[in-house]
Amino acid sequence: MKELNGEEFYKFVRNKIAVVDFWAPWCMPCLVLSPVLEELEKEMEIPFGKVNVDENIDIAREFGIMSIPTIIIFSNGEEVERIVGALPKEEIKEKINYYRGNLFP
């Protein structure tokens, strides 16, 4: 998963669909979720990125990140879904597939 910050983040989310994990290295649920998201990135062949909220406070603040991990699914730069917490792999995959299928049939 690509580490994102600054302008790189805004360019990344302009993809047709992009998944961004807001996390911190001290967050245990974030560390549990990270390998799950890496698996999903390989399986789904769509861009996944991650934003360290401690290093990118402005981005986290702009998107109102109050709890981590938070996963945001973007479509062409717009937030379409927000997942808070470390959900099971299949639930996350289902949500991503919903948007991938409905936005880009």
PDB file of N, CA and C in Angstrom:
ATOM      1  N   MET A   1       0.849  -1.179   0.000  1.00  0.00           N
ATOM      2  CA  MET A   1       0.000   0.000   0.000  1.00  0.00           C
ATOM      3  C   MET A   1       0.890   1.236   0.000  1.00  0.00           C
ATOM      4  N   LYS A   2       0.480   2.188  -0.765  1.00  0.00           N
ATOM      5  CA  LYS A   2       1.265   3.409  -0.944  1.00  0.00           C
ATOM      6  C   LYS A   2       1.041   4.371   0.221  1.00  0.00           C
ATOM      7  N   GLU A   3       2.141   4.840   0.822  1.00  0.00           N
ATOM      8  CA  GLU A   3       2.075   5.880   1.851  1.00  0.00           C
ATOM      9  C   GLU A   3       1.751   7.200   1.170  1.00  0.00           C
ATOM     10  N   LEU A   4       0.748   7.901   1.677  1.00  0.00           N
ATOM     11  CA  LEU A   4       0.294   9.135   1.050  1.00  0.00           C
ATOM     12  C   LEU A   4       0.456  10.319   1.979  1.00  0.00           C
ATOM     13  N   ASN A   5       0.823  11.470   1.388  1.00  0.00           N
ATOM     14  CA  ASN A   5       0.851  12.720   2.138  1.00  0.00           C
ATOM     15  C   ASN A   5       0.779  13.885   1.161  1.00  0.00           C
ATOM     16  N   GLY A   6       0.405  15.029   1.659  1.00  0.00           N
ATOM     17  CA  GLY A   6       0.365  16.245   0.859  1.00  0.00           C
ATOM     18  C   GLY A   6      -0.367  16.114  -0.463  1.00  0.00           C
ATOM     19  N   GLU A   7       0.203  16.726  -1.492  1.00  0.00           N
ATOM     20  CA  GLU A   7      -0.411  16.731  -2.819  1.00  0.00           C
ATOM     21  C   GLU A   7      -0.559  15.326  -3.389  1.00  0.00           C
ATOM     22  N   GLU A   8       0.339  14.445  -3.013  1.00  0.00           N
ATOM     23  CA  GLU A   8       0.275  13.057  -3.474  1.00  0.00           C
ATOM     24  C   GLU A   8      -1.066  12.422  -3.084  1.00  0.00           C
ATOM     25  N   PHE A   9      -1.542  12.742  -1.883  1.00  0.00           N
ATOM     26  CA  PHE A   9      -2.830  12.217  -1.425  1.00  0.00           C
ATOM     27  C   PHE A   9      -3.951  12.670  -2.358  1.00  0.00           C
ATOM     28  N   TYR A  10      -4.011  13.954  -2.661  1.00  0.00           N
ATOM     29  CA  TYR A  10      -5.102  14.499  -3.474  1.00  0.00           C
ATOM     30  C   TYR A  10      -5.065  13.958  -4.901  1.00  0.00           C
ATOM     31  N   LYS A  11      -3.882  13.740  -5.417  1.00  0.00           N
ATOM     32  CA  LYS A  11      -3.747  13.144  -6.744  1.00  0.00           C
ATOM     33  C   LYS A  11      -4.223  11.688  -6.720  1.00  0.00           C
ATOM     34  N   PHE A  12      -3.872  10.959  -5.669  1.00  0.00           N
ATOM     35  CA  PHE A  12      -4.216   9.542  -5.526  1.00  0.00           C
ATOM     36  C   PHE A  12      -5.728   9.332  -5.490  1.00  0.00           C
ATOM     37  N   VAL A  13      -6.444  10.161  -4.737  1.00  0.00           N
ATOM     38  CA  VAL A  13      -7.889   9.944  -4.578  1.00  0.00           C
ATOM     39  C   VAL A  13      -8.686  10.339  -5.812  1.00  0.00           C
ATOM     40  N   ARG A  14      -8.048  10.948  -6.798  1.00  0.00           N
ATOM     41  CA  ARG A  14      -8.736  11.301  -8.040  1.00  0.00           C
ATOM     42  C   ARG A  14      -8.927  10.103  -8.963  1.00  0.00           C
ATOM     43  N   ASN A  15      -8.400   8.944  -8.585  1.00  0.00           N
ATOM     44  CA  ASN A  15      -8.616   7.729  -9.374  1.00  0.00           C
ATOM     45  C   ASN A  15     -10.111   7.436  -9.458  1.00  0.00           C
ATOM     46  N   LYS A  16     -10.502   6.629 -10.454  1.00  0.00           N
ATOM     47  CA  LYS A  16     -11.919   6.246 -10.560  1.00  0.00           C
ATOM     48  C   LYS A  16     -12.413   5.708  -9.228  1.00  0.00           C
ATOM     49  N   ILE A  17     -11.612   4.849  -8.617  1.00  0.00           N
ATOM     50  CA  ILE A  17     -11.920   4.364  -7.271  1.00  0.00           C
ATOM     51  C   ILE A  17     -10.592   4.191  -6.544  1.00  0.00           C
ATOM     52  N   ALA A  18     -10.572   4.600  -5.277  1.00  0.00           N
ATOM     53  CA  ALA A  18      -9.375   4.486  -4.458  1.00  0.00           C
ATOM     54  C   ALA A  18      -9.803   4.242  -3.017  1.00  0.00           C
ATOM     55  N   VAL A  19      -9.005   3.446  -2.320  1.00  0.00           N
ATOM     56  CA  VAL A  19      -9.278   3.119  -0.927  1.00  0.00           C
ATOM     57  C   VAL A  19      -8.122   3.670  -0.093  1.00  0.00           C
ATOM     58  N   VAL A  20      -8.456   4.455   0.941  1.00  0.00           N
ATOM     59  CA  VAL A  20      -7.424   5.047   1.786  1.00  0.00           C
ATOM     60  C   VAL A  20      -7.660   4.655   3.240  1.00  0.00           C
ATOM     61  N   ASP A  21      -6.603   4.139   3.855  1.00  0.00           N
ATOM     62  CA  ASP A  21      -6.603   3.744   5.256  1.00  0.00           C
ATOM     63  C   ASP A  21      -5.955   4.855   6.072  1.00  0.00           C
ATOM     64  N   PHE A  22      -6.694   5.441   7.004  1.00  0.00           N
ATOM     65  CA  PHE A  22      -6.154   6.428   7.933  1.00  0.00           C
ATOM     66  C   PHE A  22      -5.755   5.664   9.192  1.00  0.00           C
ATOM     67  N   TRP A  23      -4.487   5.748   9.568  1.00  0.00           N
ATOM     68  CA  TRP A  23      -3.934   4.889  10.612  1.00  0.00           C
ATOM     69  C   TRP A  23      -2.845   5.628  11.397  1.00  0.00           C
ATOM     70  N   ALA A  24      -2.325   4.964  12.424  1.00  0.00           N
ATOM     71  CA  ALA A  24      -1.157   5.446  13.176  1.00  0.00           C
ATOM     72  C   ALA A  24      -0.369   4.220  13.647  1.00  0.00           C
ATOM     73  N   PRO A  25       0.940   4.341  13.761  1.00  0.00           N
ATOM     74  CA  PRO A  25       1.765   3.186  14.119  1.00  0.00           C
ATOM     75  C   PRO A  25       1.534   2.664  15.543  1.00  0.00           C
ATOM     76  N   TRP A  26       0.971   3.459  16.426  1.00  0.00           N
ATOM     77  CA  TRP A  26       0.712   3.040  17.803  1.00  0.00           C
ATOM     78  C   TRP A  26      -0.665   2.388  17.966  1.00  0.00           C
ATOM     79  N   CYS A  27      -1.461   2.374  16.912  1.00  0.00           N
ATOM     80  CA  CYS A  27      -2.846   1.873  16.958  1.00  0.00           C
ATOM     81  C   CYS A  27      -2.869   0.372  16.654  1.00  0.00           C
ATOM     82  N   MET A  28      -3.157  -0.428  17.669  1.00  0.00           N
ATOM     83  CA  MET A  28      -3.141  -1.883  17.479  1.00  0.00           C
ATOM     84  C   MET A  28      -4.181  -2.368  16.460  1.00  0.00           C
ATOM     85  N   PRO A  29      -5.431  -1.890  16.487  1.00  0.00           N
ATOM     86  CA  PRO A  29      -6.372  -2.324  15.445  1.00  0.00           C
ATOM     87  C   PRO A  29      -5.891  -1.955  14.037  1.00  0.00           C
ATOM     88  N   CYS A  30      -5.175  -0.824  13.922  1.00  0.00           N
ATOM     89  CA  CYS A  30      -4.628  -0.430  12.617  1.00  0.00           C
ATOM     90  C   CYS A  30      -3.604  -1.455  12.136  1.00  0.00           C
ATOM     91  N   LEU A  31      -2.775  -1.918  13.054  1.00  0.00           N
ATOM     92  CA  LEU A  31      -1.738  -2.889  12.705  1.00  0.00           C
ATOM     93  C   LEU A  31      -2.348  -4.235  12.337  1.00  0.00           C
ATOM     94  N   VAL A  32      -3.469  -4.577  12.940  1.00  0.00           N
ATOM     95  CA  VAL A  32      -4.181  -5.815  12.600  1.00  0.00           C
ATOM     96  C   VAL A  32      -4.820  -5.691  11.214  1.00  0.00           C
ATOM     97  N   LEU A  33      -5.352  -4.517  10.909  1.00  0.00           N
ATOM     98  CA  LEU A  33      -6.057  -4.290   9.647  1.00  0.00           C
ATOM     99  C   LEU A  33      -5.118  -4.181   8.445  1.00  0.00           C
ATOM    100  N   SER A  34      -3.921  -3.690   8.654  1.00  0.00           N
ATOM    101  CA  SER A  34      -3.004  -3.422   7.548  1.00  0.00           C
ATOM    102  C   SER A  34      -2.760  -4.627   6.634  1.00  0.00           C
ATOM    103  N   PRO A  35      -2.440  -5.821   7.156  1.00  0.00           N
ATOM    104  CA  PRO A  35      -2.236  -6.954   6.245  1.00  0.00           C
ATOM    105  C   PRO A  35      -3.512  -7.370   5.508  1.00  0.00           C
ATOM    106  N   VAL A  36      -4.657  -7.149   6.115  1.00  0.00           N
ATOM    107  CA  VAL A  36      -5.938  -7.450   5.461  1.00  0.00           C
ATOM    108  C   VAL A  36      -6.107  -6.550   4.235  1.00  0.00           C
ATOM    109  N   LEU A  37      -5.806  -5.271   4.406  1.00  0.00           N
ATOM    110  CA  LEU A  37      -5.931  -4.334   3.296  1.00  0.00           C
ATOM    111  C   LEU A  37      -4.904  -4.625   2.201  1.00  0.00           C
ATOM    112  N   GLU A  38      -3.721  -5.059   2.598  1.00  0.00           N
ATOM    113  CA  GLU A  38      -2.706  -5.429   1.608  1.00  0.00           C
ATOM    114  C   GLU A  38      -3.178  -6.616   0.770  1.00  0.00           C
ATOM    115  N   GLU A  39      -3.821  -7.586   1.411  1.00  0.00           N
ATOM    116  CA  GLU A  39      -4.391  -8.732   0.685  1.00  0.00           C
ATOM    117  C   GLU A  39      -5.478  -8.275  -0.286  1.00  0.00           C
ATOM    118  N   LEU A  40      -6.355  -7.399   0.192  1.00  0.00           N
ATOM    119  CA  LEU A  40      -7.441  -6.906  -0.649  1.00  0.00           C
ATOM    120  C   LEU A  40      -6.904  -6.131  -1.848  1.00  0.00           C
ATOM    121  N   GLU A  41      -5.853  -5.364  -1.641  1.00  0.00           N
ATOM    122  CA  GLU A  41      -5.264  -4.605  -2.748  1.00  0.00           C
ATOM    123  C   GLU A  41      -4.796  -5.557  -3.854  1.00  0.00           C
ATOM    124  N   LYS A  42      -4.149  -6.640  -3.469  1.00  0.00           N
ATOM    125  CA  LYS A  42      -3.677  -7.616  -4.458  1.00  0.00           C
ATOM    126  C   LYS A  42      -4.843  -8.323  -5.149  1.00  0.00           C
ATOM    127  N   GLU A  43      -5.844  -8.705  -4.370  1.00  0.00           N
ATOM    128  CA  GLU A  43      -6.995  -9.433  -4.907  1.00  0.00           C
ATOM    129  C   GLU A  43      -7.852  -8.571  -5.830  1.00  0.00           C
ATOM    130  N   MET A  44      -8.050  -7.314  -5.460  1.00  0.00           N
ATOM    131  CA  MET A  44      -9.025  -6.473  -6.143  1.00  0.00           C
ATOM    132  C   MET A  44      -8.415  -5.631  -7.263  1.00  0.00           C
ATOM    133  N   GLU A  45      -7.100  -5.490  -7.252  1.00  0.00           N
ATOM    134  CA  GLU A  45      -6.406  -4.738  -8.296  1.00  0.00           C
ATOM    135  C   GLU A  45      -6.942  -3.319  -8.472  1.00  0.00           C
ATOM    136  N   ILE A  46      -7.161  -2.663  -7.335  1.00  0.00           N
ATOM    137  CA  ILE A  46      -7.498  -1.242  -7.333  1.00  0.00           C
ATOM    138  C   ILE A  46      -6.525  -0.554  -6.375  1.00  0.00           C
ATOM    139  N   PRO A  47      -6.333   0.754  -6.507  1.00  0.00           N
ATOM    140  CA  PRO A  47      -5.339   1.427  -5.666  1.00  0.00           C
ATOM    141  C   PRO A  47      -5.773   1.557  -4.201  1.00  0.00           C
ATOM    142  N   PHE A  48      -4.878   1.139  -3.330  1.00  0.00           N
ATOM    143  CA  PHE A  48      -5.040   1.296  -1.894  1.00  0.00           C
ATOM    144  C   PHE A  48      -3.889   2.165  -1.402  1.00  0.00           C
ATOM    145  N   GLY A  49      -4.191   3.089  -0.515  1.00  0.00           N
ATOM    146  CA  GLY A  49      -3.158   3.935   0.068  1.00  0.00           C
ATOM    147  C   GLY A  49      -3.383   4.057   1.564  1.00  0.00           C
ATOM    148  N   LYS A  50      -2.391   4.625   2.248  1.00  0.00           N
ATOM    149  CA  LYS A  50      -2.528   4.810   3.691  1.00  0.00           C
ATOM    150  C   LYS A  50      -1.973   6.164   4.090  1.00  0.00           C
ATOM    151  N   VAL A  51      -2.645   6.772   5.063  1.00  0.00           N
ATOM    152  CA  VAL A  51      -2.264   8.086   5.571  1.00  0.00           C
ATOM    153  C   VAL A  51      -1.999   7.956   7.066  1.00  0.00           C
ATOM    154  N   ASN A  52      -0.776   8.227   7.469  1.00  0.00           N
ATOM    155  CA  ASN A  52      -0.417   8.249   8.881  1.00  0.00           C
ATOM    156  C   ASN A  52      -0.978   9.548   9.465  1.00  0.00           C
ATOM    157  N   VAL A  53      -1.972   9.440  10.346  1.00  0.00           N
ATOM    158  CA  VAL A  53      -2.653  10.627  10.864  1.00  0.00           C
ATOM    159  C   VAL A  53      -1.746  11.481  11.745  1.00  0.00           C
ATOM    160  N   ASP A  54      -0.732  10.886  12.353  1.00  0.00           N
ATOM    161  CA  ASP A  54       0.207  11.660  13.169  1.00  0.00           C
ATOM    162  C   ASP A  54       1.089  12.550  12.301  1.00  0.00           C
ATOM    163  N   GLU A  55       1.419  12.089  11.108  1.00  0.00           N
ATOM    164  CA  GLU A  55       2.301  12.835  10.211  1.00  0.00           C
ATOM    165  C   GLU A  55       1.527  13.733   9.242  1.00  0.00           C
ATOM    166  N   ASN A  56       0.235  13.505   9.114  1.00  0.00           N
ATOM    167  CA  ASN A  56      -0.596  14.249   8.159  1.00  0.00           C
ATOM    168  C   ASN A  56      -1.846  14.777   8.846  1.00  0.00           C
ATOM    169  N   ILE A  57      -1.626  15.575   9.861  1.00  0.00           N
ATOM    170  CA  ILE A  57      -2.719  16.087  10.687  1.00  0.00           C
ATOM    171  C   ILE A  57      -3.721  16.888   9.856  1.00  0.00           C
ATOM    172  N   ASP A  58      -3.231  17.674   8.901  1.00  0.00           N
ATOM    173  CA  ASP A  58      -4.125  18.506   8.093  1.00  0.00           C
ATOM    174  C   ASP A  58      -5.100  17.666   7.272  1.00  0.00           C
ATOM    175  N   ILE A  59      -4.607  16.594   6.670  1.00  0.00           N
ATOM    176  CA  ILE A  59      -5.482  15.715   5.875  1.00  0.00           C
ATOM    177  C   ILE A  59      -6.493  15.033   6.787  1.00  0.00           C
ATOM    178  N   ALA A  60      -6.021  14.524   7.929  1.00  0.00           N
ATOM    179  CA  ALA A  60      -6.926  13.857   8.874  1.00  0.00           C
ATOM    180  C   ALA A  60      -8.000  14.823   9.358  1.00  0.00           C
ATOM    181  N   ARG A  61      -7.616  16.043   9.635  1.00  0.00           N
ATOM    182  CA  ARG A  61      -8.570  17.061  10.101  1.00  0.00           C
ATOM    183  C   ARG A  61      -9.571  17.403   8.994  1.00  0.00           C
ATOM    184  N   GLU A  62      -9.086  17.558   7.769  1.00  0.00           N
ATOM    185  CA  GLU A  62      -9.960  17.899   6.646  1.00  0.00           C
ATOM    186  C   GLU A  62     -11.062  16.860   6.453  1.00  0.00           C
ATOM    187  N   PHE A  63     -10.735  15.585   6.684  1.00  0.00           N
ATOM    188  CA  PHE A  63     -11.719  14.521   6.488  1.00  0.00           C
ATOM    189  C   PHE A  63     -12.402  14.113   7.787  1.00  0.00           C
ATOM    190  N   GLY A  64     -12.178  14.864   8.850  1.00  0.00           N
ATOM    191  CA  GLY A  64     -12.884  14.627  10.108  1.00  0.00           C
ATOM    192  C   GLY A  64     -12.593  13.271  10.725  1.00  0.00           C
ATOM    193  N   ILE A  65     -11.350  12.829  10.623  1.00  0.00           N
ATOM    194  CA  ILE A  65     -10.988  11.532  11.191  1.00  0.00           C
ATOM    195  C   ILE A  65     -10.950  11.665  12.705  1.00  0.00           C
ATOM    196  N   MET A  66     -11.867  10.975  13.373  1.00  0.00           N
ATOM    197  CA  MET A  66     -11.978  11.040  14.827  1.00  0.00           C
ATOM    198  C   MET A  66     -11.533   9.748  15.488  1.00  0.00           C
ATOM    199  N   SER A  67     -11.600   8.646  14.752  1.00  0.00           N
ATOM    200  CA  SER A  67     -11.208   7.331  15.259  1.00  0.00           C
ATOM    201  C   SER A  67     -10.383   6.643  14.184  1.00  0.00           C
ATOM    202  N   ILE A  68      -9.442   5.833  14.632  1.00  0.00           N
ATOM    203  CA  ILE A  68      -8.672   5.046  13.676  1.00  0.00           C
ATOM    204  C   ILE A  68      -8.701   3.590  14.110  1.00  0.00           C
ATOM    205  N   PRO A  69      -8.634   2.677  13.174  1.00  0.00           N
ATOM    206  CA  PRO A  69      -8.519   2.915  11.747  1.00  0.00           C
ATOM    207  C   PRO A  69      -9.839   3.409  11.142  1.00  0.00           C
ATOM    208  N   THR A  70      -9.696   4.267  10.142  1.00  0.00           N
ATOM    209  CA  THR A  70     -10.815   4.688   9.311  1.00  0.00           C
ATOM    210  C   THR A  70     -10.409   4.461   7.870  1.00  0.00           C
ATOM    211  N   ILE A  71     -11.268   3.800   7.124  1.00  0.00           N
ATOM    212  CA  ILE A  71     -11.041   3.560   5.704  1.00  0.00           C
ATOM    213  C   ILE A  71     -12.050   4.408   4.946  1.00  0.00           C
ATOM    214  N   ILE A  72     -11.561   5.167   3.969  1.00  0.00           N
ATOM    215  CA  ILE A  72     -12.465   5.939   3.125  1.00  0.00           C
ATOM    216  C   ILE A  72     -12.319   5.447   1.694  1.00  0.00           C
ATOM    217  N   ILE A  73     -13.461   5.171   1.066  1.00  0.00           N
ATOM    218  CA  ILE A  73     -13.494   4.799  -0.344  1.00  0.00           C
ATOM    219  C   ILE A  73     -13.818   6.070  -1.119  1.00  0.00           C
ATOM    220  N   PHE A  74     -12.965   6.392  -2.081  1.00  0.00           N
ATOM    221  CA  PHE A  74     -13.133   7.581  -2.906  1.00  0.00           C
ATOM    222  C   PHE A  74     -13.485   7.181  -4.328  1.00  0.00           C
ATOM    223  N   SER A  75     -14.274   8.011  -4.977  1.00  0.00           N
ATOM    224  CA  SER A  75     -14.564   7.873  -6.399  1.00  0.00           C
ATOM    225  C   SER A  75     -14.330   9.229  -7.041  1.00  0.00           C
ATOM    226  N   ASN A  76     -13.339   9.288  -7.915  1.00  0.00           N
ATOM    227  CA  ASN A  76     -12.998  10.544  -8.599  1.00  0.00           C
ATOM    228  C   ASN A  76     -12.825  11.710  -7.623  1.00  0.00           C
ATOM    229  N   GLY A  77     -12.173  11.449  -6.503  1.00  0.00           N
ATOM    230  CA  GLY A  77     -11.874  12.498  -5.532  1.00  0.00           C
ATOM    231  C   GLY A  77     -12.947  12.763  -4.504  1.00  0.00           C
ATOM    232  N   GLU A  78     -14.092  12.116  -4.627  1.00  0.00           N
ATOM    233  CA  GLU A  78     -15.197  12.320  -3.682  1.00  0.00           C
ATOM    234  C   GLU A  78     -15.343  11.113  -2.759  1.00  0.00           C
ATOM    235  N   GLU A  79     -15.549  11.360  -1.485  1.00  0.00           N
ATOM    236  CA  GLU A  79     -15.790  10.280  -0.533  1.00  0.00           C
ATOM    237  C   GLU A  79     -17.151   9.656  -0.825  1.00  0.00           C
ATOM    238  N   VAL A  80     -17.179   8.317  -0.957  1.00  0.00           N
ATOM    239  CA  VAL A  80     -18.445   7.622  -1.173  1.00  0.00           C
ATOM    240  C   VAL A  80     -18.794   6.669  -0.026  1.00  0.00           C
ATOM    241  N   GLU A  81     -17.806   6.306   0.783  1.00  0.00           N
ATOM    242  CA  GLU A  81     -18.068   5.390   1.905  1.00  0.00           C
ATOM    243  C   GLU A  81     -16.983   5.582   2.943  1.00  0.00           C
ATOM    244  N   ARG A  82     -17.387   5.440   4.211  1.00  0.00           N
ATOM    245  CA  ARG A  82     -16.453   5.527   5.332  1.00  0.00           C
ATOM    246  C   ARG A  82     -16.663   4.309   6.214  1.00  0.00           C
ATOM    247  N   ILE A  83     -15.586   3.639   6.533  1.00  0.00           N
ATOM    248  CA  ILE A  83     -15.616   2.458   7.398  1.00  0.00           C
ATOM    249  C   ILE A  83     -14.742   2.767   8.605  1.00  0.00           C
ATOM    250  N   VAL A  84     -15.320   2.728   9.795  1.00  0.00           N
ATOM    251  CA  VAL A  84     -14.567   3.009  11.008  1.00  0.00           C
ATOM    252  C   VAL A  84     -14.394   1.710  11.781  1.00  0.00           C
ATOM    253  N   GLY A  85     -13.152   1.414  12.139  1.00  0.00           N
ATOM    254  CA  GLY A  85     -12.850   0.207  12.888  1.00  0.00           C
ATOM    255  C   GLY A  85     -12.287  -0.878  11.995  1.00  0.00           C
ATOM    256  N   ALA A  86     -11.779  -1.905  12.642  1.00  0.00           N
ATOM    257  CA  ALA A  86     -11.158  -3.023  11.937  1.00  0.00           C
ATOM    258  C   ALA A  86     -12.216  -4.091  11.650  1.00  0.00           C
ATOM    259  N   LEU A  87     -12.927  -3.923  10.556  1.00  0.00           N
ATOM    260  CA  LEU A  87     -13.955  -4.887  10.156  1.00  0.00           C
ATOM    261  C   LEU A  87     -13.303  -6.108   9.514  1.00  0.00           C
ATOM    262  N   PRO A  88     -14.031  -7.225   9.464  1.00  0.00           N
ATOM    263  CA  PRO A  88     -13.511  -8.413   8.787  1.00  0.00           C
ATOM    264  C   PRO A  88     -13.283  -8.159   7.295  1.00  0.00           C
ATOM    265  N   LYS A  89     -12.347  -8.880   6.746  1.00  0.00           N
ATOM    266  CA  LYS A  89     -11.956  -8.734   5.344  1.00  0.00           C
ATOM    267  C   LYS A  89     -13.148  -8.784   4.393  1.00  0.00           C
ATOM    268  N   GLU A  90     -14.023  -9.747   4.564  1.00  0.00           N
ATOM    269  CA  GLU A  90     -15.149  -9.920   3.639  1.00  0.00           C
ATOM    270  C   GLU A  90     -16.108  -8.734   3.674  1.00  0.00           C
ATOM    271  N   GLU A  91     -16.304  -8.135   4.839  1.00  0.00           N
ATOM    272  CA  GLU A  91     -17.182  -6.963   4.936  1.00  0.00           C
ATOM    273  C   GLU A  91     -16.589  -5.773   4.185  1.00  0.00           C
ATOM    274  N   ILE A  92     -15.297  -5.578   4.340  1.00  0.00           N
ATOM    275  CA  ILE A  92     -14.622  -4.479   3.641  1.00  0.00           C
ATOM    276  C   ILE A  92     -14.681  -4.720   2.139  1.00  0.00           C
ATOM    277  N   LYS A  93     -14.402  -5.942   1.731  1.00  0.00           N
ATOM    278  CA  LYS A  93     -14.412  -6.296   0.306  1.00  0.00           C
ATOM    279  C   LYS A  93     -15.799  -6.072  -0.295  1.00  0.00           C
ATOM    280  N   GLU A  94     -16.821  -6.444   0.444  1.00  0.00           N
ATOM    281  CA  GLU A  94     -18.204  -6.274  -0.020  1.00  0.00           C
ATOM    282  C   GLU A  94     -18.529  -4.799  -0.259  1.00  0.00           C
ATOM    283  N   LYS A  95     -18.113  -3.935   0.672  1.00  0.00           N
ATOM    284  CA  LYS A  95     -18.378  -2.501   0.530  1.00  0.00           C
ATOM    285  C   LYS A  95     -17.642  -1.926  -0.681  1.00  0.00           C
ATOM    286  N   ILE A  96     -16.389  -2.321  -0.857  1.00  0.00           N
ATOM    287  CA  ILE A  96     -15.616  -1.829  -2.000  1.00  0.00           C
ATOM    288  C   ILE A  96     -16.252  -2.321  -3.297  1.00  0.00           C
ATOM    289  N   ASN A  97     -16.614  -3.589  -3.341  1.00  0.00           N
ATOM    290  CA  ASN A  97     -17.223  -4.151  -4.554  1.00  0.00           C
ATOM    291  C   ASN A  97     -18.543  -3.476  -4.892  1.00  0.00           C
ATOM    292  N   TYR A  98     -19.294  -3.076  -3.877  1.00  0.00           N
ATOM    293  CA  TYR A  98     -20.553  -2.375  -4.114  1.00  0.00           C
ATOM    294  C   TYR A  98     -20.293  -1.111  -4.941  1.00  0.00           C
ATOM    295  N   TYR A  99     -19.330  -0.322  -4.513  1.00  0.00           N
ATOM    296  CA  TYR A  99     -19.037   0.925  -5.226  1.00  0.00           C
ATOM    297  C   TYR A  99     -18.365   0.666  -6.560  1.00  0.00           C
ATOM    298  N   ARG A 100     -17.501  -0.306  -6.597  1.00  0.00           N
ATOM    299  CA  ARG A 100     -16.844  -0.621  -7.859  1.00  0.00           C
ATOM    300  C   ARG A 100     -17.873  -1.058  -8.887  1.00  0.00           C
ATOM    301  N   GLY A 101     -18.850  -1.863  -8.484  1.00  0.00           N
ATOM    302  CA  GLY A 101     -19.879  -2.346  -9.392  1.00  0.00           C
ATOM    303  C   GLY A 101     -20.911  -1.303  -9.767  1.00  0.00           C
ATOM    304  N   ASN A 102     -21.311  -0.476  -8.811  1.00  0.00           N
ATOM    305  CA  ASN A 102     -22.363   0.512  -9.077  1.00  0.00           C
ATOM    306  C   ASN A 102     -21.847   1.780  -9.739  1.00  0.00           C
ATOM    307  N   LEU A 103     -20.629   2.139  -9.477  1.00  0.00           N
ATOM    308  CA  LEU A 103     -20.094   3.357 -10.080  1.00  0.00           C
ATOM    309  C   LEU A 103     -19.483   3.081 -11.445  1.00  0.00           C
ATOM    310  N   PHE A 104     -18.981   1.852 -11.616  1.00  0.00           N
ATOM    311  CA  PHE A 104     -18.283   1.504 -12.867  1.00  0.00           C
ATOM    312  C   PHE A 104     -18.705   0.142 -13.341  1.00  0.00           C
ATOM    313  N   PRO A 105     -19.955   0.003 -13.787  1.00  0.00           N
ATOM    314  CA  PRO A 105     -20.467  -1.321 -14.190  1.00  0.00           C
ATOM    315  C   PRO A 105     -19.732  -1.881 -15.395  1.00  0.00           C
TER     316      PRO A 105
END
